[in-house]
Amino acid sequence: MLQTLLTERFQMKLHREKKELPVYVLLPGKGAPKLQPPADGDPNLSRNANAVTFHKFPISRLTFLLTRRMDRPVVDMTGLNDLYDFTIDLSGLPPADPSTGPSIFTAVEENLGLKLEARSFPVDILVIDQVERVPTEN
């Protein structure tokens, strides 16, 4: 709806294209993932000073939250498509001093049995070709 409104009011013209961008890819680790089958109850996210616990969430929710905290998008390539219960310890994150706590890379590996790896990856982007500064009237 928003895209339609912008297109109509600002005469916006755009297109989508794929572009190789730096990303972090979430991959299976060396052993089995440290994810639990979900317990009964509704999906929820709980947080304390040191950890975030996901109850009945897909890994895609974790990648969304990691993308918001990191300097580049996180792409899920784990192949894990079910709902899970899992906890990630965020104590000292991001560490001002490496001795104060784990990095997100270490936390993901130790807590979840997954790994984050920097790569270039084709990402869908939205390119705005033209837009008017003054919108048309209602």
N, C-alpha and C. Protein backbone atom coordinates (compact mmCIF):
# COMPACT_ATOMS: atom_id res chain seq x y z
N MET A 1 0.81 -1.19 0.00
CA MET A 1 0.00 0.00 0.00
C MET A 1 0.86 1.26 0.00
N LEU A 2 1.89 1.25 0.84
CA LEU A 2 2.76 2.42 0.93
C LEU A 2 3.47 2.67 -0.40
N GLN A 3 3.95 1.59 -1.00
CA GLN A 3 4.64 1.74 -2.29
C GLN A 3 3.69 2.30 -3.35
N THR A 4 2.45 1.84 -3.35
CA THR A 4 1.45 2.35 -4.29
C THR A 4 1.19 3.83 -4.06
N LEU A 5 1.04 4.21 -2.80
CA LEU A 5 0.81 5.61 -2.45
C LEU A 5 1.99 6.48 -2.92
N LEU A 6 3.20 6.06 -2.63
CA LEU A 6 4.38 6.83 -3.05
C LEU A 6 4.48 6.92 -4.57
N THR A 7 4.16 5.82 -5.23
CA THR A 7 4.22 5.81 -6.69
C THR A 7 3.23 6.80 -7.28
N GLU A 8 2.02 6.81 -6.74
CA GLU A 8 0.99 7.71 -7.26
C GLU A 8 1.24 9.17 -6.90
N ARG A 9 1.53 9.44 -5.64
CA ARG A 9 1.65 10.83 -5.16
C ARG A 9 2.95 11.51 -5.61
N PHE A 10 4.04 10.76 -5.69
CA PHE A 10 5.34 11.35 -6.03
C PHE A 10 5.82 10.94 -7.42
N GLN A 11 4.93 10.30 -8.20
CA GLN A 11 5.28 9.86 -9.54
C GLN A 11 6.60 9.05 -9.52
N MET A 12 6.71 8.23 -8.49
CA MET A 12 7.93 7.46 -8.29
C MET A 12 8.02 6.32 -9.30
N LYS A 13 9.20 6.17 -9.87
CA LYS A 13 9.48 5.05 -10.76
C LYS A 13 10.64 4.28 -10.14
N LEU A 14 10.48 2.96 -10.07
CA LEU A 14 11.50 2.13 -9.44
C LEU A 14 11.58 0.77 -10.09
N HIS A 15 12.63 0.07 -9.78
CA HIS A 15 12.78 -1.32 -10.22
C HIS A 15 13.60 -2.08 -9.19
N ARG A 16 13.51 -3.39 -9.27
CA ARG A 16 14.28 -4.26 -8.38
C ARG A 16 15.41 -4.88 -9.17
N GLU A 17 16.53 -5.08 -8.49
CA GLU A 17 17.65 -5.79 -9.12
C GLU A 17 18.44 -6.51 -8.04
N LYS A 18 19.21 -7.49 -8.50
CA LYS A 18 20.09 -8.21 -7.58
C LYS A 18 21.46 -7.57 -7.65
N LYS A 19 22.09 -7.48 -6.49
CA LYS A 19 23.42 -6.89 -6.44
C LYS A 19 24.25 -7.68 -5.41
N GLU A 20 25.48 -7.96 -5.76
CA GLU A 20 26.39 -8.64 -4.82
C GLU A 20 26.76 -7.65 -3.72
N LEU A 21 26.41 -7.99 -2.49
CA LEU A 21 26.70 -7.13 -1.35
C LEU A 21 27.36 -7.94 -0.26
N PRO A 22 28.11 -7.27 0.62
CA PRO A 22 28.66 -7.99 1.77
C PRO A 22 27.53 -8.33 2.75
N VAL A 23 27.49 -9.58 3.17
CA VAL A 23 26.49 -10.06 4.12
C VAL A 23 27.18 -10.98 5.12
N TYR A 24 26.46 -11.34 6.16
CA TYR A 24 26.85 -12.45 7.02
C TYR A 24 25.90 -13.59 6.71
N VAL A 25 26.43 -14.76 6.50
CA VAL A 25 25.61 -15.94 6.20
C VAL A 25 25.58 -16.80 7.46
N LEU A 26 24.37 -17.17 7.89
CA LEU A 26 24.19 -18.07 9.03
C LEU A 26 24.17 -19.48 8.49
N LEU A 27 25.12 -20.31 8.94
CA LEU A 27 25.31 -21.66 8.43
C LEU A 27 25.28 -22.68 9.56
N PRO A 28 25.06 -23.95 9.22
CA PRO A 28 25.19 -24.99 10.26
C PRO A 28 26.64 -25.03 10.74
N GLY A 29 26.83 -25.32 12.02
CA GLY A 29 28.18 -25.45 12.58
C GLY A 29 28.72 -26.85 12.35
N LYS A 30 29.77 -27.19 13.08
CA LYS A 30 30.42 -28.49 12.91
C LYS A 30 29.57 -29.63 13.43
N GLY A 31 28.91 -29.45 14.55
CA GLY A 31 28.08 -30.50 15.12
C GLY A 31 26.61 -30.23 14.88
N ALA A 32 25.78 -30.93 15.63
CA ALA A 32 24.33 -30.71 15.53
C ALA A 32 23.97 -29.36 16.14
N PRO A 33 22.98 -28.67 15.58
CA PRO A 33 22.55 -27.39 16.16
C PRO A 33 22.03 -27.59 17.58
N LYS A 34 22.27 -26.59 18.42
CA LYS A 34 21.83 -26.64 19.82
C LYS A 34 20.47 -25.95 19.94
N LEU A 35 19.50 -26.49 19.23
CA LEU A 35 18.15 -25.96 19.21
C LEU A 35 17.22 -27.03 19.77
N GLN A 36 16.23 -26.61 20.53
CA GLN A 36 15.29 -27.56 21.14
C GLN A 36 13.96 -27.52 20.41
N PRO A 37 13.26 -28.66 20.38
CA PRO A 37 11.89 -28.61 19.86
C PRO A 37 11.07 -27.68 20.75
N PRO A 38 10.12 -26.95 20.19
CA PRO A 38 9.39 -25.99 21.01
C PRO A 38 8.50 -26.65 22.05
N ALA A 39 8.50 -26.07 23.23
CA ALA A 39 7.60 -26.51 24.30
C ALA A 39 6.23 -25.91 24.02
N ASP A 40 5.23 -26.37 24.76
CA ASP A 40 3.88 -25.84 24.60
C ASP A 40 3.85 -24.36 24.93
N GLY A 41 2.86 -23.68 24.40
CA GLY A 41 2.67 -22.26 24.67
C GLY A 41 2.77 -21.44 23.41
N ASP A 42 2.51 -20.16 23.57
CA ASP A 42 2.56 -19.23 22.45
C ASP A 42 3.99 -18.78 22.21
N PRO A 43 4.29 -18.37 20.97
CA PRO A 43 5.63 -17.82 20.70
C PRO A 43 5.89 -16.60 21.56
N ASN A 44 7.10 -16.51 22.11
CA ASN A 44 7.47 -15.30 22.84
C ASN A 44 8.98 -15.17 22.87
N LEU A 45 9.38 -13.97 23.17
CA LEU A 45 10.78 -13.61 23.25
C LEU A 45 10.98 -13.04 24.64
N SER A 46 11.92 -13.59 25.39
CA SER A 46 12.19 -13.03 26.71
C SER A 46 13.65 -12.64 26.79
N ARG A 47 13.88 -11.60 27.53
CA ARG A 47 15.24 -11.06 27.61
C ARG A 47 15.56 -10.74 29.05
N ASN A 48 16.79 -11.06 29.44
CA ASN A 48 17.29 -10.57 30.71
C ASN A 48 18.57 -9.81 30.41
N ALA A 49 19.31 -9.46 31.42
CA ALA A 49 20.51 -8.64 31.20
C ALA A 49 21.54 -9.33 30.32
N ASN A 50 21.56 -10.67 30.32
CA ASN A 50 22.62 -11.38 29.61
C ASN A 50 22.18 -12.23 28.43
N ALA A 51 20.89 -12.47 28.27
CA ALA A 51 20.48 -13.43 27.25
C ALA A 51 19.12 -13.08 26.66
N VAL A 52 18.89 -13.62 25.47
CA VAL A 52 17.59 -13.56 24.83
C VAL A 52 17.16 -15.00 24.58
N THR A 53 15.95 -15.33 25.02
CA THR A 53 15.41 -16.67 24.82
C THR A 53 14.26 -16.58 23.83
N PHE A 54 14.34 -17.38 22.80
CA PHE A 54 13.32 -17.46 21.76
C PHE A 54 12.50 -18.71 22.04
N HIS A 55 11.20 -18.56 22.14
CA HIS A 55 10.32 -19.71 22.36
C HIS A 55 9.38 -19.83 21.16
N LYS A 56 9.51 -20.95 20.47
CA LYS A 56 8.65 -21.26 19.32
C LYS A 56 8.86 -20.27 18.17
N PHE A 57 10.13 -20.06 17.80
CA PHE A 57 10.45 -19.15 16.70
C PHE A 57 11.27 -19.87 15.64
N PRO A 58 11.14 -19.42 14.38
CA PRO A 58 12.01 -19.94 13.33
C PRO A 58 13.36 -19.24 13.38
N ILE A 59 14.35 -19.84 12.76
CA ILE A 59 15.68 -19.23 12.69
C ILE A 59 15.62 -17.91 11.91
N SER A 60 14.66 -17.77 11.01
CA SER A 60 14.52 -16.52 10.26
C SER A 60 14.29 -15.32 11.19
N ARG A 61 13.66 -15.54 12.33
CA ARG A 61 13.46 -14.46 13.31
C ARG A 61 14.80 -14.02 13.89
N LEU A 62 15.67 -14.98 14.15
CA LEU A 62 17.01 -14.66 14.65
C LEU A 62 17.79 -13.87 13.60
N THR A 63 17.72 -14.29 12.34
CA THR A 63 18.47 -13.57 11.31
C THR A 63 17.95 -12.14 11.15
N PHE A 64 16.64 -11.95 11.30
CA PHE A 64 16.06 -10.61 11.25
C PHE A 64 16.63 -9.74 12.37
N LEU A 65 16.64 -10.28 13.59
CA LEU A 65 17.15 -9.50 14.73
C LEU A 65 18.65 -9.26 14.62
N LEU A 66 19.40 -10.24 14.13
CA LEU A 66 20.84 -10.04 13.94
C LEU A 66 21.11 -8.96 12.89
N THR A 67 20.33 -8.96 11.82
CA THR A 67 20.49 -7.94 10.78
C THR A 67 20.34 -6.54 11.36
N ARG A 68 19.41 -6.39 12.29
CA ARG A 68 19.18 -5.07 12.89
C ARG A 68 20.34 -4.64 13.79
N ARG A 69 21.11 -5.58 14.32
CA ARG A 69 22.20 -5.27 15.25
C ARG A 69 23.56 -5.17 14.57
N MET A 70 23.67 -5.70 13.37
CA MET A 70 24.98 -5.82 12.74
C MET A 70 25.15 -4.81 11.61
N ASP A 71 26.34 -4.75 11.08
CA ASP A 71 26.67 -3.76 10.05
C ASP A 71 26.31 -4.19 8.64
N ARG A 72 25.72 -5.37 8.47
CA ARG A 72 25.29 -5.85 7.16
C ARG A 72 24.19 -6.89 7.34
N PRO A 73 23.45 -7.18 6.28
CA PRO A 73 22.36 -8.15 6.42
C PRO A 73 22.88 -9.54 6.79
N VAL A 74 22.00 -10.31 7.44
CA VAL A 74 22.30 -11.71 7.78
C VAL A 74 21.35 -12.58 6.96
N VAL A 75 21.92 -13.53 6.23
CA VAL A 75 21.15 -14.42 5.36
C VAL A 75 21.15 -15.81 5.98
N ASP A 76 19.97 -16.41 6.12
CA ASP A 76 19.82 -17.74 6.69
C ASP A 76 20.09 -18.80 5.63
N MET A 77 21.15 -19.57 5.81
CA MET A 77 21.46 -20.69 4.93
C MET A 77 21.62 -21.97 5.75
N THR A 78 20.89 -22.04 6.86
CA THR A 78 20.99 -23.20 7.74
C THR A 78 20.18 -24.38 7.23
N GLY A 79 19.11 -24.11 6.49
CA GLY A 79 18.22 -25.18 6.07
C GLY A 79 17.27 -25.60 7.18
N LEU A 80 17.28 -24.86 8.31
CA LEU A 80 16.41 -25.17 9.44
C LEU A 80 15.11 -24.38 9.29
N ASN A 81 14.02 -25.08 9.03
CA ASN A 81 12.77 -24.39 8.71
C ASN A 81 11.69 -24.55 9.75
N ASP A 82 11.94 -25.29 10.81
CA ASP A 82 10.92 -25.52 11.84
C ASP A 82 10.94 -24.41 12.88
N LEU A 83 10.07 -24.54 13.87
CA LEU A 83 10.07 -23.65 15.03
C LEU A 83 10.92 -24.28 16.11
N TYR A 84 11.64 -23.44 16.88
CA TYR A 84 12.56 -23.94 17.89
C TYR A 84 12.49 -23.09 19.15
N ASP A 85 13.00 -23.67 20.23
CA ASP A 85 13.31 -22.93 21.44
C ASP A 85 14.83 -22.84 21.51
N PHE A 86 15.36 -21.64 21.75
CA PHE A 86 16.81 -21.48 21.87
C PHE A 86 17.12 -20.20 22.61
N THR A 87 18.30 -20.17 23.19
CA THR A 87 18.77 -19.01 23.94
C THR A 87 20.13 -18.61 23.42
N ILE A 88 20.32 -17.31 23.29
CA ILE A 88 21.63 -16.80 22.91
C ILE A 88 22.09 -15.82 23.98
N ASP A 89 23.28 -16.06 24.50
CA ASP A 89 23.85 -15.24 25.56
C ASP A 89 24.47 -14.00 24.94
N LEU A 90 23.99 -12.85 25.36
CA LEU A 90 24.47 -11.58 24.80
C LEU A 90 25.31 -10.79 25.79
N SER A 91 25.77 -11.43 26.85
CA SER A 91 26.52 -10.69 27.85
C SER A 91 27.75 -10.04 27.21
N GLY A 92 27.87 -8.76 27.45
CA GLY A 92 29.01 -8.02 26.93
C GLY A 92 28.92 -7.71 25.45
N LEU A 93 27.74 -7.81 24.84
CA LEU A 93 27.62 -7.61 23.41
C LEU A 93 27.14 -6.21 23.07
N PRO A 94 27.74 -5.49 22.20
CA PRO A 94 29.03 -5.81 21.61
C PRO A 94 30.14 -5.48 22.59
N PRO A 95 31.16 -6.30 22.65
CA PRO A 95 32.18 -6.06 23.66
C PRO A 95 33.02 -4.83 23.37
N ALA A 96 33.07 -3.95 24.32
CA ALA A 96 33.97 -2.79 24.20
C ALA A 96 35.40 -3.30 24.30
N ASP A 97 35.55 -4.37 25.07
CA ASP A 97 36.84 -5.02 25.27
C ASP A 97 36.59 -6.52 25.09
N PRO A 98 37.33 -7.19 24.22
CA PRO A 98 37.09 -8.60 23.97
C PRO A 98 37.08 -9.47 25.23
N SER A 99 37.70 -9.03 26.30
CA SER A 99 37.73 -9.83 27.52
C SER A 99 36.44 -9.71 28.33
N THR A 100 35.52 -8.80 27.94
CA THR A 100 34.30 -8.60 28.72
C THR A 100 33.17 -9.52 28.33
N GLY A 101 33.27 -10.22 27.22
CA GLY A 101 32.19 -11.11 26.82
C GLY A 101 32.39 -11.57 25.39
N PRO A 102 31.54 -12.50 24.98
CA PRO A 102 31.71 -13.06 23.64
C PRO A 102 31.26 -12.10 22.55
N SER A 103 31.84 -12.24 21.38
CA SER A 103 31.33 -11.52 20.22
C SER A 103 30.06 -12.25 19.76
N ILE A 104 29.28 -11.64 18.91
CA ILE A 104 28.08 -12.28 18.41
C ILE A 104 28.45 -13.55 17.64
N PHE A 105 29.60 -13.55 16.97
CA PHE A 105 30.04 -14.73 16.23
C PHE A 105 30.29 -15.90 17.18
N THR A 106 30.95 -15.62 18.30
CA THR A 106 31.21 -16.65 19.30
C THR A 106 29.93 -17.11 19.97
N ALA A 107 29.06 -16.15 20.31
CA ALA A 107 27.80 -16.49 20.97
C ALA A 107 26.93 -17.39 20.08
N VAL A 108 26.83 -17.07 18.81
CA VAL A 108 26.02 -17.89 17.89
C VAL A 108 26.60 -19.30 17.79
N GLU A 109 27.91 -19.40 17.72
CA GLU A 109 28.55 -20.71 17.59
C GLU A 109 28.43 -21.52 18.88
N GLU A 110 28.72 -20.91 20.01
CA GLU A 110 28.70 -21.65 21.28
C GLU A 110 27.28 -21.96 21.75
N ASN A 111 26.36 -21.00 21.61
CA ASN A 111 25.01 -21.18 22.13
C ASN A 111 24.09 -21.95 21.20
N LEU A 112 24.30 -21.82 19.89
CA LEU A 112 23.35 -22.39 18.94
C LEU A 112 23.94 -23.49 18.07
N GLY A 113 25.26 -23.63 18.06
CA GLY A 113 25.87 -24.62 17.19
C GLY A 113 25.80 -24.22 15.72
N LEU A 114 25.66 -22.93 15.48
CA LEU A 114 25.62 -22.38 14.12
C LEU A 114 26.82 -21.46 13.96
N LYS A 115 27.06 -20.99 12.74
CA LYS A 115 28.17 -20.04 12.57
C LYS A 115 27.78 -18.94 11.62
N LEU A 116 28.34 -17.77 11.87
CA LEU A 116 28.17 -16.60 11.01
C LEU A 116 29.46 -16.43 10.22
N GLU A 117 29.32 -16.25 8.92
CA GLU A 117 30.48 -16.13 8.05
C GLU A 117 30.28 -14.94 7.11
N ALA A 118 31.30 -14.11 6.98
CA ALA A 118 31.23 -12.97 6.06
C ALA A 118 31.41 -13.46 4.63
N ARG A 119 30.53 -12.99 3.74
CA ARG A 119 30.59 -13.36 2.33
C ARG A 119 29.99 -12.24 1.49
N SER A 120 30.20 -12.35 0.19
CA SER A 120 29.42 -11.55 -0.76
C SER A 120 28.28 -12.44 -1.22
N PHE A 121 27.11 -11.83 -1.40
CA PHE A 121 25.92 -12.63 -1.70
C PHE A 121 24.97 -11.78 -2.53
N PRO A 122 24.28 -12.36 -3.53
CA PRO A 122 23.32 -11.57 -4.30
C PRO A 122 22.10 -11.22 -3.44
N VAL A 123 21.81 -9.93 -3.33
CA VAL A 123 20.71 -9.44 -2.50
C VAL A 123 19.76 -8.64 -3.38
N ASP A 124 18.46 -8.84 -3.19
CA ASP A 124 17.47 -8.03 -3.90
C ASP A 124 17.47 -6.62 -3.32
N ILE A 125 17.60 -5.63 -4.19
CA ILE A 125 17.53 -4.24 -3.74
C ILE A 125 16.49 -3.50 -4.57
N LEU A 126 15.97 -2.45 -4.02
CA LEU A 126 14.98 -1.60 -4.67
C LEU A 126 15.71 -0.34 -5.13
N VAL A 127 15.63 -0.04 -6.41
CA VAL A 127 16.31 1.13 -6.98
C VAL A 127 15.25 2.15 -7.39
N ILE A 128 15.36 3.35 -6.87
CA ILE A 128 14.44 4.43 -7.22
C ILE A 128 15.04 5.18 -8.40
N ASP A 129 14.34 5.13 -9.53
CA ASP A 129 14.83 5.77 -10.75
C ASP A 129 14.43 7.23 -10.84
N GLN A 130 13.23 7.54 -10.34
CA GLN A 130 12.74 8.92 -10.44
C GLN A 130 11.72 9.14 -9.33
N VAL A 131 11.71 10.36 -8.79
CA VAL A 131 10.72 10.75 -7.82
C VAL A 131 10.57 12.27 -7.85
N GLU A 132 9.33 12.76 -7.81
CA GLU A 132 9.08 14.19 -7.79
C GLU A 132 9.20 14.70 -6.36
N ARG A 133 9.73 15.91 -6.21
CA ARG A 133 9.87 16.49 -4.87
C ARG A 133 8.54 16.89 -4.25
N VAL A 134 7.62 17.34 -5.06
CA VAL A 134 6.32 17.82 -4.58
C VAL A 134 5.26 16.79 -4.94
N PRO A 135 4.52 16.28 -3.97
CA PRO A 135 3.51 15.26 -4.28
C PRO A 135 2.30 15.87 -4.99
N THR A 136 1.60 15.03 -5.74
CA THR A 136 0.35 15.49 -6.34
C THR A 136 -0.69 15.65 -5.24
N GLU A 137 -1.68 16.48 -5.49
CA GLU A 137 -2.71 16.71 -4.47
C GLU A 137 -3.66 15.52 -4.41
N ASN A 138 -4.41 15.44 -3.28
CA ASN A 138 -5.38 14.35 -3.12
C ASN A 138 -6.47 14.45 -4.15
